[in-house]
Protein backbone atom coordinates (compact mmCIF):
# COMPACT_ATOMS: atom_id res chain seq x y z
CA UNK A 1 -65.18 -20.05 40.70
CA UNK A 2 -63.16 -20.02 37.43
CA UNK A 3 -65.88 -21.88 35.69
CA UNK A 4 -68.40 -18.92 37.04
CA UNK A 5 -66.22 -16.48 35.84
CA UNK A 6 -65.80 -17.88 31.73
CA UNK A 7 -69.65 -18.06 32.19
CA UNK A 8 -70.38 -14.55 33.12
CA UNK A 9 -67.28 -13.54 30.80
CA UNK A 10 -69.14 -15.55 27.75
CA UNK A 11 -72.61 -14.27 28.34
CA UNK A 12 -71.39 -10.21 28.85
CA UNK A 13 -69.65 -10.61 25.47
CA UNK A 14 -72.77 -12.55 23.87
CA UNK A 15 -74.87 -9.67 25.37
CA UNK A 16 -73.07 -7.27 24.34
CA UNK A 17 -72.62 -8.25 20.63
CA UNK A 18 -76.58 -7.64 20.74
CA UNK A 19 -76.60 -5.07 22.43
CA UNK A 20 -74.13 -2.99 19.87
CA UNK A 21 -76.20 -4.20 17.36
CA UNK A 22 -79.34 -2.95 19.00
CA UNK A 23 -78.13 0.41 19.37
CA UNK A 24 -77.03 0.45 15.63
CA UNK A 25 -80.65 -0.20 14.89
CA UNK A 26 -82.10 2.59 17.27
CA UNK A 27 -79.87 5.05 15.63
CA UNK A 28 -80.66 4.21 12.01
CA UNK A 29 -84.23 4.24 12.64
CA UNK A 30 -84.59 6.73 15.14
CA UNK A 31 -86.52 8.89 12.46
CA UNK A 32 -89.16 6.08 12.41
CA UNK A 33 -92.05 5.48 14.27
CA UNK A 34 -92.21 5.27 17.97
CA UNK A 35 -93.71 1.66 17.42
CA UNK A 36 -90.42 0.61 15.73
CA UNK A 37 -88.16 2.01 18.83
CA UNK A 38 -90.70 0.37 21.15
CA UNK A 39 -90.17 -3.05 19.12
CA UNK A 40 -86.11 -3.02 19.02
CA UNK A 41 -85.85 -2.62 22.67
CA UNK A 42 -87.35 -5.79 23.64
CA UNK A 43 -86.08 -7.78 20.48
CA UNK A 44 -82.41 -6.49 22.00
CA UNK A 45 -82.78 -7.86 25.34
CA UNK A 46 -84.02 -11.36 23.91
CA UNK A 47 -81.53 -11.39 21.17
CA UNK A 48 -78.83 -10.60 23.87
CA UNK A 49 -80.06 -13.26 26.20
CA UNK A 50 -80.05 -15.82 23.29
CA UNK A 51 -76.40 -14.84 22.29
CA UNK A 52 -75.28 -15.02 25.81
CA UNK A 53 -76.81 -18.32 26.37
CA UNK A 54 -75.82 -19.54 23.24
CA UNK A 55 -71.99 -18.31 24.28
CA UNK A 56 -71.93 -19.94 27.34
CA UNK A 57 -73.40 -23.26 25.67
CA UNK A 58 -70.97 -23.56 22.92
CA UNK A 59 -67.76 -22.89 25.98
CA UNK A 60 -69.76 -24.87 28.04
CA UNK A 61 -70.32 -27.68 25.49
CA UNK A 62 -74.19 -28.53 26.07
CA UNK A 63 -75.60 -31.39 24.86
CA UNK A 64 -77.84 -30.57 21.81
CA UNK A 65 -81.32 -31.45 23.99
CA UNK A 66 -80.00 -28.96 26.55
CA UNK A 67 -79.52 -26.44 23.85
CA UNK A 68 -83.29 -27.07 22.04
CA UNK A 69 -84.67 -26.27 25.44
CA UNK A 70 -82.79 -23.59 26.32
CA UNK A 71 -83.28 -22.10 22.80
CA UNK A 72 -87.03 -22.97 23.20
CA UNK A 73 -87.56 -21.12 26.36
CA UNK A 74 -85.88 -17.92 24.78
CA UNK A 75 -87.86 -18.08 21.63
CA UNK A 76 -91.22 -18.02 23.44
CA UNK A 77 -89.76 -15.57 25.66
CA UNK A 78 -88.97 -13.41 22.71
CA UNK A 79 -92.82 -13.77 21.45
CA UNK A 80 -94.40 -12.51 24.41
CA UNK A 81 -91.51 -9.45 24.67
CA UNK A 82 -92.45 -8.52 21.09
CA UNK A 83 -96.47 -8.65 21.42
CA UNK A 84 -96.10 -6.54 24.47
CA UNK A 85 -94.05 -4.31 22.90
CA UNK A 86 -96.04 -4.11 19.72
CA UNK A 87 -99.33 -3.50 22.01
CA UNK A 88 -97.48 -0.79 23.82
CA UNK A 89 -96.24 0.85 20.99
CA UNK A 90 -99.54 0.88 19.13
CA UNK A 91 -100.81 2.43 22.18
CA UNK A 92 -98.01 5.29 22.62
CA UNK A 93 -98.31 5.95 18.85
CA UNK A 94 -102.35 6.43 18.73
CA UNK A 95 -102.11 8.58 21.98
CA UNK A 96 -99.43 10.65 20.28
CA UNK A 97 -101.18 10.87 16.90
CA UNK A 98 -104.33 12.15 19.16
CA UNK A 99 -102.36 14.95 20.98
CA UNK A 100 -101.00 16.13 17.53
CA UNK A 101 -104.23 16.20 16.02
CA UNK A 102 -105.67 18.18 18.78
CA UNK A 103 -102.51 20.51 19.31
CA UNK A 104 -103.03 20.99 15.11
CA UNK A 105 -106.81 21.95 15.75
CA UNK A 106 -106.21 24.71 18.58
CA UNK A 107 -103.22 25.94 16.35
CA UNK A 108 -105.50 26.44 13.38
CA UNK A 109 -108.01 28.04 15.64
CA UNK A 110 -109.66 25.79 17.65
CA UNK A 111 -109.31 24.77 21.10
CA UNK A 112 -107.62 21.95 22.71
CA UNK A 113 -109.79 20.25 25.63
CA UNK A 114 -108.58 19.97 29.38
CA UNK A 115 -107.78 16.40 30.33
CA UNK A 116 -110.67 14.39 32.06
CA UNK A 117 -111.50 11.09 32.71
CA UNK A 118 -110.22 9.51 29.11
CA UNK A 119 -106.60 10.63 29.99
CA UNK A 120 -106.79 9.58 33.60
CA UNK A 121 -104.56 6.34 32.67
CA UNK A 122 -102.01 8.14 30.73
CA UNK A 123 -98.65 8.10 31.47
CA UNK A 124 -97.38 10.92 33.81
CA UNK A 125 -95.32 12.40 30.91
CA UNK A 126 -98.14 12.31 28.46
CA UNK A 127 -100.61 14.01 31.36
CA UNK A 128 -98.38 16.77 31.79
CA UNK A 129 -98.04 17.19 28.00
CA UNK A 130 -102.06 17.35 27.95
CA UNK A 131 -102.31 19.65 30.49
CA UNK A 132 -99.43 22.32 28.97
CA UNK A 133 -101.31 22.01 25.89
CA UNK A 134 -104.88 22.50 27.12
CA UNK A 135 -102.98 25.88 29.11
CA UNK A 136 -101.41 26.74 26.03
CA UNK A 137 -104.78 26.34 24.27
CA UNK A 138 -106.48 28.94 26.69
CA UNK A 139 -103.73 31.41 26.25
CA UNK A 140 -104.12 30.98 22.37
CA UNK A 141 -108.15 32.04 23.11
CA UNK A 142 -107.22 34.87 25.38
CA UNK A 143 -104.91 36.29 23.04
CA UNK A 144 -107.41 35.81 19.79
CA UNK A 145 -110.12 37.67 22.32
CA UNK A 146 -107.76 40.32 22.85
CA UNK A 147 -106.72 41.02 18.94
CA UNK A 148 -110.22 40.86 18.24
CA UNK A 149 -111.08 43.60 20.82
CA UNK A 150 -107.93 45.56 20.07
CA UNK A 151 -108.86 45.23 15.98
CA UNK A 152 -112.28 46.14 16.68
CA UNK A 153 -111.14 49.24 18.85
CA UNK A 154 -109.09 50.08 15.99
CA UNK A 155 -111.45 50.15 13.43
CA UNK A 156 -114.06 52.68 15.59
CA UNK A 157 -111.09 54.82 16.32
CA UNK A 158 -110.22 55.09 12.47
CA UNK A 159 -114.01 55.63 11.72
CA UNK A 160 -114.42 58.32 14.50
CA UNK A 161 -111.28 59.89 13.59
CA UNK A 162 -111.79 60.12 10.21
CA UNK A 163 -115.67 62.03 10.87
CA UNK A 164 -114.06 64.22 13.34
CA UNK A 165 -111.24 65.37 11.14
CA UNK A 166 -113.43 66.06 8.45
CA UNK A 167 -115.87 67.86 10.08
CA UNK A 168 -113.44 71.15 11.11
CA UNK A 169 -111.52 70.19 7.61
CA UNK A 170 -114.61 70.82 6.12
CA UNK A 171 -115.38 74.29 7.97
CA UNK A 172 -111.57 75.05 7.30
CA UNK A 173 -112.23 74.83 3.73
CA UNK A 174 -115.01 76.60 3.40
CA UNK A 175 -113.98 79.46 5.24
CA UNK A 176 -110.60 79.91 3.36
CA UNK A 177 -113.01 79.72 0.06
CA UNK A 178 -115.18 82.41 1.29
CA UNK A 179 -111.80 84.79 2.42
CA UNK A 180 -110.40 84.01 -1.20
CA UNK A 181 -113.51 84.86 -2.97
CA UNK A 182 -114.09 88.08 -0.90
CA UNK A 183 -117.49 87.19 0.74
CA UNK A 184 -116.66 87.28 4.16
CA UNK A 185 -117.32 91.02 5.78
CA UNK A 186 -116.06 90.42 9.24
CA UNK A 187 -112.59 88.72 8.43
CA UNK A 188 -111.46 88.68 11.89
CA UNK A 189 -114.03 86.50 13.37
CA UNK A 190 -113.42 84.19 10.49
CA UNK A 191 -109.73 84.28 11.03
CA UNK A 192 -110.61 83.29 14.79
CA UNK A 193 -112.72 80.81 13.48
CA UNK A 194 -110.04 79.14 11.27
CA UNK A 195 -107.78 79.63 14.42
CA UNK A 196 -110.09 77.70 16.86
CA UNK A 197 -110.67 74.46 14.40
CA UNK A 198 -106.67 74.72 13.67
CA UNK A 199 -106.14 74.23 17.98
CA UNK A 200 -108.74 71.48 17.79
CA UNK A 201 -107.23 69.56 14.93
CA UNK A 202 -103.51 70.30 16.71
CA UNK A 203 -105.22 68.92 20.02
CA UNK A 204 -106.84 65.78 18.06
CA UNK A 205 -103.13 65.11 16.74
CA UNK A 206 -101.08 65.30 19.67
CA UNK A 207 -103.88 63.13 21.61
CA UNK A 208 -102.91 60.72 18.84
CA UNK A 209 -99.34 61.10 19.21
CA UNK A 210 -99.53 60.39 23.06
CA UNK A 211 -101.57 57.64 22.76
CA UNK A 212 -98.97 56.41 20.40
CA UNK A 213 -96.34 56.37 22.31
CA UNK A 214 -98.14 54.87 25.43
CA UNK A 215 -98.79 51.90 23.15
CA UNK A 216 -95.23 51.48 22.07
CA UNK A 217 -94.11 51.39 25.25
CA UNK A 218 -92.25 54.70 24.68
CA UNK A 219 -93.46 57.33 27.16
CA UNK A 220 -90.74 58.49 28.80
CA UNK A 221 -91.33 59.45 32.32
CA UNK A 222 -89.72 61.85 34.16
CA UNK A 223 -90.58 61.54 38.22
CA UNK A 224 -89.99 64.03 41.14
CA UNK A 225 -91.70 63.77 44.38
CA UNK A 226 -94.79 66.22 44.65
CA UNK A 227 -97.78 66.79 46.63
CA UNK A 228 -101.05 65.86 45.42
CA UNK A 229 -102.26 69.21 46.59
CA UNK A 230 -100.01 70.85 44.34
CA UNK A 231 -101.07 68.82 41.07
CA UNK A 232 -105.24 69.04 42.04
CA UNK A 233 -104.19 72.65 42.65
CA UNK A 234 -102.86 73.13 38.79
CA UNK A 235 -105.16 70.96 37.40
CA UNK A 236 -108.22 73.00 38.78
CA UNK A 237 -106.58 76.28 37.93
CA UNK A 238 -106.40 75.20 34.17
CA UNK A 239 -109.83 73.91 34.16
CA UNK A 240 -111.72 76.86 35.95
CA UNK A 241 -112.40 78.54 32.61
CA UNK A 242 -114.01 75.90 31.15
CA UNK A 243 -116.04 75.14 34.36
CA UNK A 244 -117.17 79.02 34.63
CA UNK A 245 -118.22 78.95 30.66
CA UNK A 246 -120.46 75.96 31.47
CA UNK A 247 -121.78 76.73 34.95
CA UNK A 248 -119.90 73.95 36.68
CA UNK A 249 -118.37 74.33 40.22
CA UNK A 250 -115.37 72.76 41.23
CA UNK A 251 -114.48 71.20 44.70
CA UNK A 252 -110.92 70.58 45.62
CA UNK A 253 -110.58 71.06 49.07
CA UNK A 254 -110.45 67.95 50.72
CA UNK A 255 -106.79 66.94 48.63
CA UNK A 256 -104.33 66.34 51.24
CA UNK A 257 -100.63 66.92 51.04
CA UNK A 258 -99.90 63.36 50.35
CA UNK A 259 -96.55 62.80 48.38
CA UNK A 260 -96.07 60.72 45.18
CA UNK A 261 -93.37 60.00 42.79
CA UNK A 262 -94.90 61.13 39.49
CA UNK A 263 -94.01 62.69 36.12
CA UNK A 264 -95.78 66.46 37.16
CA UNK A 265 -96.50 66.95 33.74
CA UNK A 266 -98.00 63.73 32.29
CA UNK A 267 -99.93 63.37 35.86
CA UNK A 268 -101.66 67.01 35.27
CA UNK A 269 -102.68 66.14 31.96
CA UNK A 270 -104.22 63.31 33.25
CA UNK A 271 -106.37 65.68 35.80
CA UNK A 272 -106.58 67.96 33.28
CA UNK A 273 -108.75 65.42 30.73
CA UNK A 274 -110.49 63.96 33.83
CA UNK A 275 -111.80 67.55 34.81
CA UNK A 276 -112.54 68.61 31.17
CA UNK A 277 -114.46 65.07 30.72
CA UNK A 278 -116.46 65.78 33.74
CA UNK A 279 -117.24 69.46 33.10
CA UNK A 280 -118.81 68.76 29.78
CA UNK A 281 -120.66 65.71 31.04
CA UNK A 282 -121.98 67.75 34.21
CA UNK A 283 -125.02 69.95 33.99
CA UNK A 284 -125.13 73.58 34.78
CA UNK A 285 -125.25 74.32 38.41
CA UNK A 286 -123.25 70.60 38.87
CA UNK A 287 -120.63 69.94 40.75
CA UNK A 288 -117.37 68.38 40.14
CA UNK A 289 -115.56 67.22 43.06
CA UNK A 290 -111.57 66.11 43.50
CA UNK A 291 -110.77 63.88 46.45
CA UNK A 292 -107.81 62.03 47.68
CA UNK A 293 -107.33 59.33 50.27
CA UNK A 294 -104.86 57.30 51.41
CA UNK A 295 -104.73 53.20 51.97
CA UNK A 296 -102.03 52.64 54.70
CA UNK A 297 -102.43 48.76 54.25
CA UNK A 298 -101.02 48.84 50.60
CA UNK A 299 -99.11 52.08 50.68
CA UNK A 300 -101.38 53.52 47.59
CA UNK A 301 -103.15 56.67 47.39
CA UNK A 302 -106.64 57.18 45.52
CA UNK A 303 -107.26 60.14 43.75
CA UNK A 304 -111.10 60.61 42.40
CA UNK A 305 -112.92 62.86 40.13
CA UNK A 306 -116.68 62.86 40.79
CA UNK A 307 -119.13 64.62 38.60
CA UNK A 308 -122.72 64.76 37.95
CA UNK A 309 -123.35 63.27 34.76
CA UNK A 310 -126.23 60.86 35.42
CA UNK A 311 -124.46 58.23 35.42
CA UNK A 312 -122.96 55.51 32.88
CA UNK A 313 -124.65 52.50 31.77
CA UNK A 314 -123.61 49.17 33.43
CA UNK A 315 -122.70 47.99 30.22
CA UNK A 316 -120.94 50.61 28.86
CA UNK A 317 -118.48 50.74 32.42
CA UNK A 318 -115.87 48.32 31.51
CA UNK A 319 -115.52 50.00 28.03
CA UNK A 320 -114.58 53.43 29.34
CA UNK A 321 -111.23 53.21 29.00
CA UNK A 322 -111.30 51.89 25.48
CA UNK A 323 -109.31 53.91 22.77
CA UNK A 324 -112.02 55.85 21.01
CA UNK A 325 -114.83 55.01 23.05
CA UNK A 326 -117.01 58.03 23.54
CA UNK A 327 -120.71 56.68 24.71
CA UNK A 328 -123.89 57.63 23.60
CA UNK A 329 -124.21 60.41 21.07
CA UNK A 330 -126.30 62.30 23.16
CA UNK A 331 -123.33 62.39 25.30
CA UNK A 332 -120.51 62.62 23.46
CA UNK A 333 -118.54 65.33 23.93
CA UNK A 334 -116.10 67.05 21.30
CA UNK A 335 -113.13 65.12 20.67
CA UNK A 336 -111.95 61.65 19.39
CA UNK A 337 -112.23 59.62 22.48
CA UNK A 338 -108.86 59.16 23.41
CA UNK A 339 -108.65 61.42 26.53
CA UNK A 340 -109.28 58.59 28.72
CA UNK A 341 -107.67 56.13 27.42
CA UNK A 342 -104.52 58.28 27.69
CA UNK A 343 -105.40 58.88 31.34
CA UNK A 344 -105.08 54.77 31.53
CA UNK A 345 -101.90 54.53 29.70
CA UNK A 346 -100.18 57.36 31.89
CA UNK A 347 -101.46 55.76 34.70
CA UNK A 348 -100.25 52.43 34.22
CA UNK A 349 -96.88 53.95 33.20
CA UNK A 350 -96.70 55.11 36.66
CA UNK A 351 -97.54 51.58 38.17
CA UNK A 352 -100.99 52.78 38.75
CA UNK A 353 -104.82 51.55 37.99
CA UNK A 354 -107.39 53.62 36.86
CA UNK A 355 -111.21 52.54 37.18
CA UNK A 356 -114.57 54.04 37.13
CA UNK A 357 -118.28 53.26 39.20
CA UNK A 358 -121.32 54.75 39.34
CA UNK A 359 -122.58 56.98 42.40
CA UNK A 360 -125.45 58.62 42.90
CA UNK A 361 -126.02 61.12 40.40
CA UNK A 362 -122.82 60.75 38.27
CA UNK A 363 -119.60 58.70 38.39
CA UNK A 364 -116.50 58.75 39.99
CA UNK A 365 -113.15 58.09 38.12
CA UNK A 366 -110.42 56.78 40.66
CA UNK A 367 -106.66 56.61 40.09
CA UNK A 368 -104.99 54.29 42.09
CA UNK A 369 -101.09 55.42 42.65
CA UNK A 370 -98.27 54.39 44.89
CA UNK A 371 -97.24 56.56 47.41
CA UNK A 372 -93.51 57.88 47.61
CA UNK A 373 -90.90 55.92 48.75
CA UNK A 374 -90.31 56.88 52.60
CA UNK A 375 -86.36 57.41 51.30
CA UNK A 376 -87.63 59.83 49.01
CA UNK A 377 -90.17 61.73 51.62
CA UNK A 378 -87.26 62.18 53.85
CA UNK A 379 -84.71 63.45 50.99
């Protein structure tokens, strides 16, 4: 028993010394290639085994023949272990380099392919890393698409705003010069035209400011529990003069008194934008209808505005709520194309959604809003 304890002690001391040297080597070479680290590990194991064997042999006074046999066995094991470690290290390094090149490619604007059959034999860590890189590549591609769409929308908006600002400014300049030169006989009419153009410019600037607050996430809402009937009646009253001027009939008698938790001022603006847009696109003797329905299963309220514009081309439907979109020139109303973008921004700020679809003879804009909470209804 005493001899076995001594053998274990000497073997441990020899192996511990080799292990300590190996740990120091790994620390010193930790910034080198992974192949070096994978080679050091089996080397340390073999040297630890050899050191323990030599320590036991020296303590037990083995014969030279026995010591040579043991050393030869350990050396052969060392050769096989090192060869295996080198092969494994080269494979791991090659796979790591492939992942690095692929990650660099999608970082520079390319795409990282999803893991396929070629990666079926990879270790679990490499497989997980490949999947994460592929998912990141898809997110980056989607982000680039959104960035390109936003940049395109921004350029269109700048072009349209520049055009729409140039027209009233040119008119104001012409009228002011005419007044200055005394070329205007009816100065009252000219001043009224100037005021109309100024109000138009003021409305455009207000829309731009509102849209900038929405995009910046700084739109502050002061919500109250109100009835849909009140909101619709106020919006219809505001749009009635324009409807009479254009010969369009407004219908809003199918709106139930459903309570919603909204900012009354902002939602009145939303309905006003939709009604003005619908009236301007509906021919004379047409009808613009407002309707509301509830969806009890998901506690939502769907508020719709239907016009008689003749419909929107299917390819344009996804762009209706984009900033600056105004459709074809023949159907473009006055303004900078910001009204529907503001509508979507305000509705989404209320945790709702805005959508549009074609119906017979026109199109239907639908606003989905959450109903007021039961506590709010009773309180």
